[in-house]
Amino acid sequence: MDRRRSCRNFTDNITTEMITIKLLLWIAFIASFVAWSVYNIRKGNRPFYLLENIIKGFAFILYGAYIWDCQYERFTLILAIWCAATWWVLFDAAMGIVLHGNPLYVGRNSGWIDRFHYINNWTKIAYWICKLIAVWAIIGATRYVYLNS
């Protein structure tokens, strides 16, 4: 395999199971944030999304550096797209299911991206188009990761 296309050394033998475990680590991180946010909301507190976004950024840097050992720009970009898209889609769906029983729920007091949903009908349409693009990006990035790791 061409070394420029992967995030590993030639001597590493990454199996499909190992790739799956690495991807599931990020999803477990998302689940931990869902649990923390639900805990705070049920206590009557609103989650502090700015701090959470800073923590997510640091977590992504550590995830890319230590879990994937990323050294090449293309793979790192694809991994960043995968992480951001899975976060947006899975976090919102999980919060909707846990708090409202609806994975497509968009709250008026949710994070800053969800507020665009309620500006007017055009932004509502744009919001859902972007959500579909994120799902497409997850599928494409997952495929890329499995083919190039």
N, C-alpha and C. Protein backbone atom coordinates (compact mmCIF):
# COMPACT_ATOMS: atom_id res chain seq x y z
N MET A 1 0.85 -1.18 0.00
CA MET A 1 0.00 0.00 0.00
C MET A 1 0.88 1.23 0.00
N ASP A 2 0.48 2.24 -0.72
CA ASP A 2 1.21 3.49 -0.80
C ASP A 2 1.18 4.18 0.57
N ARG A 3 2.35 4.46 1.11
CA ARG A 3 2.46 5.03 2.45
C ARG A 3 1.77 6.39 2.56
N ARG A 4 1.71 7.15 1.49
CA ARG A 4 1.09 8.46 1.53
C ARG A 4 -0.42 8.38 1.74
N ARG A 5 -1.03 7.25 1.50
CA ARG A 5 -2.48 7.13 1.58
C ARG A 5 -2.95 6.59 2.93
N SER A 6 -2.05 6.23 3.82
CA SER A 6 -2.52 5.63 5.06
C SER A 6 -1.99 6.39 6.27
N CYS A 7 -2.48 6.00 7.42
CA CYS A 7 -2.08 6.61 8.68
C CYS A 7 -1.28 5.63 9.52
N ARG A 8 -0.57 4.76 8.94
CA ARG A 8 0.14 3.76 9.70
C ARG A 8 1.48 3.48 9.06
N ASN A 9 2.29 2.75 9.77
CA ASN A 9 3.58 2.33 9.25
C ASN A 9 3.41 1.07 8.42
N PHE A 10 4.40 0.81 7.57
CA PHE A 10 4.33 -0.40 6.75
C PHE A 10 4.33 -1.66 7.60
N THR A 11 4.95 -1.60 8.76
CA THR A 11 5.07 -2.80 9.58
C THR A 11 3.79 -3.13 10.33
N ASP A 12 2.86 -2.17 10.43
CA ASP A 12 1.60 -2.42 11.13
C ASP A 12 0.69 -3.28 10.27
N ASN A 13 -0.01 -4.16 10.92
CA ASN A 13 -0.98 -4.99 10.22
C ASN A 13 -2.35 -4.73 10.85
N ILE A 14 -3.03 -3.70 10.35
CA ILE A 14 -4.31 -3.30 10.92
C ILE A 14 -5.41 -4.13 10.26
N THR A 15 -6.14 -4.84 11.09
CA THR A 15 -7.22 -5.68 10.58
C THR A 15 -8.52 -4.87 10.56
N THR A 16 -9.51 -5.43 9.92
CA THR A 16 -10.82 -4.79 9.88
C THR A 16 -11.38 -4.63 11.28
N GLU A 17 -11.14 -5.61 12.13
CA GLU A 17 -11.63 -5.52 13.50
C GLU A 17 -10.98 -4.37 14.25
N MET A 18 -9.70 -4.15 14.03
CA MET A 18 -9.01 -3.05 14.71
C MET A 18 -9.52 -1.70 14.21
N ILE A 19 -9.79 -1.59 12.93
CA ILE A 19 -10.35 -0.35 12.39
C ILE A 19 -11.72 -0.10 13.03
N THR A 20 -12.53 -1.14 13.13
CA THR A 20 -13.85 -1.01 13.74
C THR A 20 -13.74 -0.57 15.19
N ILE A 21 -12.81 -1.13 15.93
CA ILE A 21 -12.61 -0.74 17.33
C ILE A 21 -12.20 0.72 17.41
N LYS A 22 -11.31 1.14 16.53
CA LYS A 22 -10.87 2.54 16.53
C LYS A 22 -12.02 3.49 16.24
N LEU A 23 -12.87 3.13 15.29
CA LEU A 23 -14.03 3.98 14.98
C LEU A 23 -15.03 3.97 16.13
N LEU A 24 -15.23 2.81 16.75
CA LEU A 24 -16.17 2.73 17.86
C LEU A 24 -15.71 3.51 19.09
N LEU A 25 -14.40 3.72 19.22
CA LEU A 25 -13.91 4.55 20.33
C LEU A 25 -14.47 5.96 20.24
N TRP A 26 -14.52 6.52 19.04
CA TRP A 26 -15.07 7.87 18.86
C TRP A 26 -16.58 7.86 19.16
N ILE A 27 -17.26 6.82 18.72
CA ILE A 27 -18.70 6.73 18.97
C ILE A 27 -18.95 6.57 20.48
N ALA A 28 -18.09 5.85 21.18
CA ALA A 28 -18.20 5.74 22.64
C ALA A 28 -17.99 7.11 23.30
N PHE A 29 -17.07 7.89 22.75
CA PHE A 29 -16.84 9.25 23.25
C PHE A 29 -18.09 10.10 23.07
N ILE A 30 -18.75 9.95 21.91
CA ILE A 30 -20.01 10.67 21.67
C ILE A 30 -21.05 10.23 22.69
N ALA A 31 -21.14 8.93 22.93
CA ALA A 31 -22.12 8.41 23.90
C ALA A 31 -21.86 8.96 25.30
N SER A 32 -20.59 9.13 25.66
CA SER A 32 -20.29 9.68 26.99
C SER A 32 -20.76 11.13 27.08
N PHE A 33 -20.63 11.89 26.01
CA PHE A 33 -21.12 13.27 26.02
C PHE A 33 -22.64 13.31 26.04
N VAL A 34 -23.29 12.38 25.38
CA VAL A 34 -24.75 12.30 25.44
C VAL A 34 -25.17 12.06 26.89
N ALA A 35 -24.54 11.10 27.54
CA ALA A 35 -24.88 10.79 28.93
C ALA A 35 -24.64 12.00 29.83
N TRP A 36 -23.53 12.70 29.64
CA TRP A 36 -23.22 13.87 30.46
C TRP A 36 -24.23 14.99 30.21
N SER A 37 -24.58 15.22 28.96
CA SER A 37 -25.55 16.27 28.64
C SER A 37 -26.94 15.94 29.19
N VAL A 38 -27.36 14.69 29.04
CA VAL A 38 -28.67 14.29 29.57
C VAL A 38 -28.68 14.45 31.09
N TYR A 39 -27.60 14.06 31.74
CA TYR A 39 -27.49 14.22 33.19
C TYR A 39 -27.65 15.69 33.58
N ASN A 40 -26.95 16.58 32.89
CA ASN A 40 -27.03 18.01 33.20
C ASN A 40 -28.42 18.57 32.92
N ILE A 41 -29.02 18.18 31.81
CA ILE A 41 -30.35 18.68 31.46
C ILE A 41 -31.38 18.21 32.47
N ARG A 42 -31.31 16.97 32.88
CA ARG A 42 -32.27 16.45 33.86
C ARG A 42 -32.08 17.05 35.24
N LYS A 43 -30.88 17.53 35.53
CA LYS A 43 -30.64 18.26 36.78
C LYS A 43 -31.16 19.69 36.70
N GLY A 44 -31.54 20.12 35.50
CA GLY A 44 -32.04 21.49 35.32
C GLY A 44 -31.00 22.46 34.80
N ASN A 45 -29.82 21.96 34.48
CA ASN A 45 -28.75 22.82 33.95
C ASN A 45 -28.68 22.70 32.44
N ARG A 46 -28.35 23.79 31.79
CA ARG A 46 -28.13 23.76 30.35
C ARG A 46 -26.66 23.43 30.11
N PRO A 47 -26.35 22.48 29.22
CA PRO A 47 -24.94 22.16 28.95
C PRO A 47 -24.18 23.39 28.46
N PHE A 48 -22.93 23.49 28.84
CA PHE A 48 -22.07 24.61 28.43
C PHE A 48 -21.38 24.19 27.14
N TYR A 49 -22.03 24.50 26.01
CA TYR A 49 -21.60 23.99 24.72
C TYR A 49 -20.24 24.53 24.27
N LEU A 50 -19.88 25.75 24.66
CA LEU A 50 -18.57 26.27 24.28
C LEU A 50 -17.46 25.41 24.88
N LEU A 51 -17.57 25.11 26.17
CA LEU A 51 -16.58 24.26 26.82
C LEU A 51 -16.58 22.86 26.22
N GLU A 52 -17.79 22.33 25.94
CA GLU A 52 -17.87 21.00 25.33
C GLU A 52 -17.20 20.99 23.96
N ASN A 53 -17.37 22.05 23.17
CA ASN A 53 -16.73 22.10 21.85
C ASN A 53 -15.22 22.17 21.96
N ILE A 54 -14.71 22.87 22.95
CA ILE A 54 -13.26 22.92 23.16
C ILE A 54 -12.75 21.53 23.54
N ILE A 55 -13.46 20.85 24.42
CA ILE A 55 -13.07 19.49 24.83
C ILE A 55 -13.12 18.55 23.63
N LYS A 56 -14.17 18.68 22.78
CA LYS A 56 -14.27 17.84 21.58
C LYS A 56 -13.08 18.07 20.66
N GLY A 57 -12.65 19.31 20.51
CA GLY A 57 -11.50 19.62 19.66
C GLY A 57 -10.23 18.96 20.18
N PHE A 58 -9.98 19.08 21.47
CA PHE A 58 -8.81 18.41 22.05
C PHE A 58 -8.92 16.91 21.91
N ALA A 59 -10.11 16.38 22.14
CA ALA A 59 -10.31 14.93 22.02
C ALA A 59 -10.03 14.46 20.60
N PHE A 60 -10.48 15.24 19.61
CA PHE A 60 -10.21 14.85 18.23
C PHE A 60 -8.72 14.86 17.93
N ILE A 61 -8.01 15.86 18.41
CA ILE A 61 -6.55 15.91 18.18
C ILE A 61 -5.89 14.68 18.80
N LEU A 62 -6.25 14.34 20.01
CA LEU A 62 -5.68 13.16 20.65
C LEU A 62 -6.09 11.88 19.92
N TYR A 63 -7.34 11.81 19.51
CA TYR A 63 -7.86 10.65 18.78
C TYR A 63 -7.09 10.45 17.48
N GLY A 64 -6.91 11.51 16.73
CA GLY A 64 -6.18 11.40 15.47
C GLY A 64 -4.71 11.10 15.66
N ALA A 65 -4.11 11.72 16.69
CA ALA A 65 -2.68 11.55 16.90
C ALA A 65 -2.31 10.21 17.53
N TYR A 66 -3.05 9.82 18.55
CA TYR A 66 -2.65 8.62 19.29
C TYR A 66 -3.37 7.35 18.87
N ILE A 67 -4.62 7.46 18.49
CA ILE A 67 -5.35 6.26 18.09
C ILE A 67 -5.04 5.91 16.64
N TRP A 68 -5.01 6.91 15.77
CA TRP A 68 -4.80 6.66 14.34
C TRP A 68 -3.37 6.93 13.89
N ASP A 69 -2.58 7.63 14.69
CA ASP A 69 -1.21 7.98 14.31
C ASP A 69 -1.19 8.67 12.94
N CYS A 70 -2.06 9.65 12.79
CA CYS A 70 -2.19 10.34 11.50
C CYS A 70 -0.95 11.18 11.20
N GLN A 71 -0.46 11.01 9.98
CA GLN A 71 0.71 11.76 9.54
C GLN A 71 0.51 12.35 8.15
N TYR A 72 -0.59 12.05 7.51
CA TYR A 72 -0.79 12.48 6.14
C TYR A 72 -2.08 13.28 6.02
N GLU A 73 -2.01 14.38 5.27
CA GLU A 73 -3.09 15.34 5.25
C GLU A 73 -4.42 14.78 4.76
N ARG A 74 -4.41 13.99 3.70
CA ARG A 74 -5.67 13.50 3.14
C ARG A 74 -6.41 12.62 4.15
N PHE A 75 -5.73 11.67 4.75
CA PHE A 75 -6.38 10.79 5.70
C PHE A 75 -6.86 11.58 6.91
N THR A 76 -6.06 12.52 7.38
CA THR A 76 -6.44 13.34 8.53
C THR A 76 -7.68 14.15 8.21
N LEU A 77 -7.77 14.70 7.01
CA LEU A 77 -8.95 15.45 6.61
C LEU A 77 -10.18 14.56 6.57
N ILE A 78 -10.05 13.37 5.99
CA ILE A 78 -11.18 12.44 5.93
C ILE A 78 -11.61 12.03 7.34
N LEU A 79 -10.64 11.78 8.21
CA LEU A 79 -10.96 11.41 9.59
C LEU A 79 -11.65 12.57 10.31
N ALA A 80 -11.22 13.80 10.06
CA ALA A 80 -11.87 14.97 10.67
C ALA A 80 -13.31 15.10 10.18
N ILE A 81 -13.53 14.89 8.90
CA ILE A 81 -14.89 14.93 8.36
C ILE A 81 -15.74 13.85 9.01
N TRP A 82 -15.18 12.64 9.12
CA TRP A 82 -15.92 11.54 9.74
C TRP A 82 -16.28 11.88 11.19
N CYS A 83 -15.31 12.37 11.94
CA CYS A 83 -15.56 12.69 13.36
C CYS A 83 -16.60 13.79 13.52
N ALA A 84 -16.48 14.86 12.74
CA ALA A 84 -17.44 15.97 12.86
C ALA A 84 -18.84 15.53 12.43
N ALA A 85 -18.93 14.80 11.33
CA ALA A 85 -20.24 14.37 10.83
C ALA A 85 -20.89 13.36 11.78
N THR A 86 -20.12 12.41 12.28
CA THR A 86 -20.71 11.44 13.21
C THR A 86 -21.15 12.14 14.49
N TRP A 87 -20.36 13.12 14.91
CA TRP A 87 -20.75 13.84 16.13
C TRP A 87 -22.09 14.52 15.92
N TRP A 88 -22.21 15.27 14.83
CA TRP A 88 -23.44 16.04 14.59
C TRP A 88 -24.64 15.12 14.44
N VAL A 89 -24.51 14.09 13.65
CA VAL A 89 -25.65 13.21 13.38
C VAL A 89 -25.98 12.34 14.60
N LEU A 90 -25.00 11.67 15.17
CA LEU A 90 -25.27 10.73 16.26
C LEU A 90 -25.61 11.43 17.57
N PHE A 91 -24.92 12.52 17.88
CA PHE A 91 -25.20 13.24 19.12
C PHE A 91 -26.63 13.79 19.09
N ASP A 92 -27.00 14.44 18.00
CA ASP A 92 -28.36 14.99 17.90
C ASP A 92 -29.41 13.90 17.94
N ALA A 93 -29.18 12.80 17.22
CA ALA A 93 -30.15 11.71 17.20
C ALA A 93 -30.28 11.08 18.59
N ALA A 94 -29.17 10.85 19.25
CA ALA A 94 -29.21 10.24 20.59
C ALA A 94 -29.89 11.15 21.60
N MET A 95 -29.58 12.44 21.56
CA MET A 95 -30.23 13.38 22.47
C MET A 95 -31.73 13.43 22.20
N GLY A 96 -32.11 13.43 20.93
CA GLY A 96 -33.52 13.43 20.59
C GLY A 96 -34.24 12.20 21.08
N ILE A 97 -33.61 11.04 20.91
CA ILE A 97 -34.23 9.79 21.37
C ILE A 97 -34.36 9.76 22.89
N VAL A 98 -33.29 10.09 23.58
CA VAL A 98 -33.29 9.99 25.04
C VAL A 98 -34.24 11.01 25.68
N LEU A 99 -34.21 12.24 25.19
CA LEU A 99 -35.00 13.29 25.84
C LEU A 99 -36.42 13.44 25.30
N HIS A 100 -36.62 13.11 24.02
CA HIS A 100 -37.91 13.40 23.41
C HIS A 100 -38.52 12.21 22.67
N GLY A 101 -37.81 11.11 22.58
CA GLY A 101 -38.32 9.93 21.88
C GLY A 101 -38.36 10.07 20.37
N ASN A 102 -37.65 11.05 19.82
CA ASN A 102 -37.66 11.31 18.39
C ASN A 102 -36.23 11.61 17.92
N PRO A 103 -35.65 10.76 17.08
CA PRO A 103 -34.26 11.00 16.64
C PRO A 103 -34.13 12.23 15.74
N LEU A 104 -35.23 12.72 15.18
CA LEU A 104 -35.19 13.89 14.31
C LEU A 104 -35.59 15.18 15.04
N TYR A 105 -35.68 15.11 16.36
CA TYR A 105 -36.07 16.28 17.14
C TYR A 105 -35.00 17.37 17.03
N VAL A 106 -35.45 18.60 16.83
CA VAL A 106 -34.55 19.76 16.81
C VAL A 106 -35.11 20.75 17.82
N GLY A 107 -34.38 20.97 18.89
CA GLY A 107 -34.86 21.86 19.95
C GLY A 107 -34.57 23.32 19.67
N ARG A 108 -35.43 24.17 20.18
CA ARG A 108 -35.22 25.62 20.04
C ARG A 108 -34.09 26.10 20.94
N ASN A 109 -33.81 25.40 22.01
CA ASN A 109 -32.74 25.79 22.94
C ASN A 109 -31.55 24.85 22.84
N SER A 110 -31.43 24.19 21.71
CA SER A 110 -30.31 23.27 21.53
C SER A 110 -29.04 24.05 21.21
N GLY A 111 -28.05 23.36 20.71
CA GLY A 111 -26.79 24.00 20.36
C GLY A 111 -26.95 25.05 19.26
N TRP A 112 -25.89 25.74 18.96
CA TRP A 112 -25.98 26.89 18.06
C TRP A 112 -26.32 26.52 16.63
N ILE A 113 -25.99 25.33 16.14
CA ILE A 113 -26.33 24.94 14.77
C ILE A 113 -27.83 24.71 14.64
N ASP A 114 -28.44 24.12 15.66
CA ASP A 114 -29.86 23.80 15.60
C ASP A 114 -30.74 25.05 15.54
N ARG A 115 -30.25 26.18 15.97
CA ARG A 115 -31.04 27.41 15.93
C ARG A 115 -31.34 27.84 14.50
N PHE A 116 -30.49 27.46 13.55
CA PHE A 116 -30.76 27.80 12.15
C PHE A 116 -32.02 27.12 11.64
N HIS A 117 -32.40 26.03 12.25
CA HIS A 117 -33.59 25.29 11.84
C HIS A 117 -34.85 26.15 11.98
N TYR A 118 -34.86 27.09 12.92
CA TYR A 118 -36.07 27.84 13.22
C TYR A 118 -36.07 29.27 12.68
N ILE A 119 -35.10 29.66 11.88
CA ILE A 119 -35.08 31.03 11.36
C ILE A 119 -36.22 31.24 10.37
N ASN A 120 -36.28 30.41 9.35
CA ASN A 120 -37.38 30.44 8.38
C ASN A 120 -37.42 29.11 7.64
N ASN A 121 -38.34 28.98 6.69
CA ASN A 121 -38.47 27.70 5.98
C ASN A 121 -37.24 27.36 5.15
N TRP A 122 -36.58 28.36 4.59
CA TRP A 122 -35.38 28.09 3.78
C TRP A 122 -34.24 27.55 4.64
N THR A 123 -34.07 28.11 5.82
CA THR A 123 -32.99 27.59 6.67
C THR A 123 -33.34 26.21 7.21
N LYS A 124 -34.64 25.94 7.39
CA LYS A 124 -35.05 24.60 7.82
C LYS A 124 -34.70 23.58 6.74
N ILE A 125 -34.97 23.92 5.49
CA ILE A 125 -34.63 23.04 4.36
C ILE A 125 -33.12 22.87 4.27
N ALA A 126 -32.38 23.98 4.39
CA ALA A 126 -30.92 23.92 4.32
C ALA A 126 -30.35 23.07 5.46
N TYR A 127 -30.95 23.18 6.64
CA TYR A 127 -30.51 22.40 7.80
C TYR A 127 -30.60 20.91 7.49
N TRP A 128 -31.74 20.46 6.96
CA TRP A 128 -31.92 19.04 6.69
C TRP A 128 -31.10 18.57 5.50
N ILE A 129 -30.87 19.44 4.53
CA ILE A 129 -29.96 19.08 3.42
C ILE A 129 -28.55 18.88 3.97
N CYS A 130 -28.12 19.77 4.85
CA CYS A 130 -26.79 19.61 5.46
C CYS A 130 -26.71 18.34 6.30
N LYS A 131 -27.78 18.00 6.98
CA LYS A 131 -27.81 16.76 7.77
C LYS A 131 -27.67 15.54 6.85
N LEU A 132 -28.36 15.57 5.71
CA LEU A 132 -28.23 14.46 4.74
C LEU A 132 -26.83 14.40 4.16
N ILE A 133 -26.23 15.54 3.89
CA ILE A 133 -24.85 15.58 3.39
C ILE A 133 -23.92 14.99 4.45
N ALA A 134 -24.19 15.27 5.73
CA ALA A 134 -23.37 14.71 6.81
C ALA A 134 -23.48 13.19 6.85
N VAL A 135 -24.68 12.66 6.65
CA VAL A 135 -24.86 11.20 6.61
C VAL A 135 -24.09 10.63 5.43
N TRP A 136 -24.18 11.28 4.29
CA TRP A 136 -23.43 10.84 3.11
C TRP A 136 -21.92 10.90 3.38
N ALA A 137 -21.48 11.94 4.07
CA ALA A 137 -20.06 12.08 4.40
C ALA A 137 -19.61 10.97 5.34
N ILE A 138 -20.45 10.58 6.28
CA ILE A 138 -20.12 9.48 7.19
C ILE A 138 -19.91 8.20 6.40
N ILE A 139 -20.82 7.92 5.49
CA ILE A 139 -20.72 6.70 4.68
C ILE A 139 -19.46 6.72 3.83
N GLY A 140 -19.22 7.83 3.14
CA GLY A 140 -18.03 7.94 2.29
C GLY A 140 -16.73 7.90 3.08
N ALA A 141 -16.69 8.60 4.19
CA ALA A 141 -15.47 8.62 5.00
C ALA A 141 -15.21 7.26 5.63
N THR A 142 -16.26 6.58 6.06
CA THR A 142 -16.08 5.24 6.63
C THR A 142 -15.50 4.30 5.58
N ARG A 143 -16.03 4.38 4.38
CA ARG A 143 -15.52 3.56 3.28
C ARG A 143 -14.04 3.88 3.02
N TYR A 144 -13.71 5.16 2.99
CA TYR A 144 -12.32 5.57 2.76
C TYR A 144 -11.40 5.05 3.86
N VAL A 145 -11.84 5.16 5.11
CA VAL A 145 -11.02 4.69 6.21
C VAL A 145 -10.74 3.21 6.13
N TYR A 146 -11.76 2.42 5.81
CA TYR A 146 -11.56 0.96 5.71
C TYR A 146 -10.68 0.60 4.50
N LEU A 147 -10.79 1.33 3.42
CA LEU A 147 -9.99 1.01 2.24
C LEU A 147 -8.55 1.49 2.33
N ASN A 148 -8.28 2.51 3.17
CA ASN A 148 -6.96 3.12 3.20
C ASN A 148 -6.25 3.01 4.54
N SER A 149 -6.68 2.12 5.39
CA SER A 149 -6.00 1.95 6.68
C SER A 149 -5.22 0.65 6.69
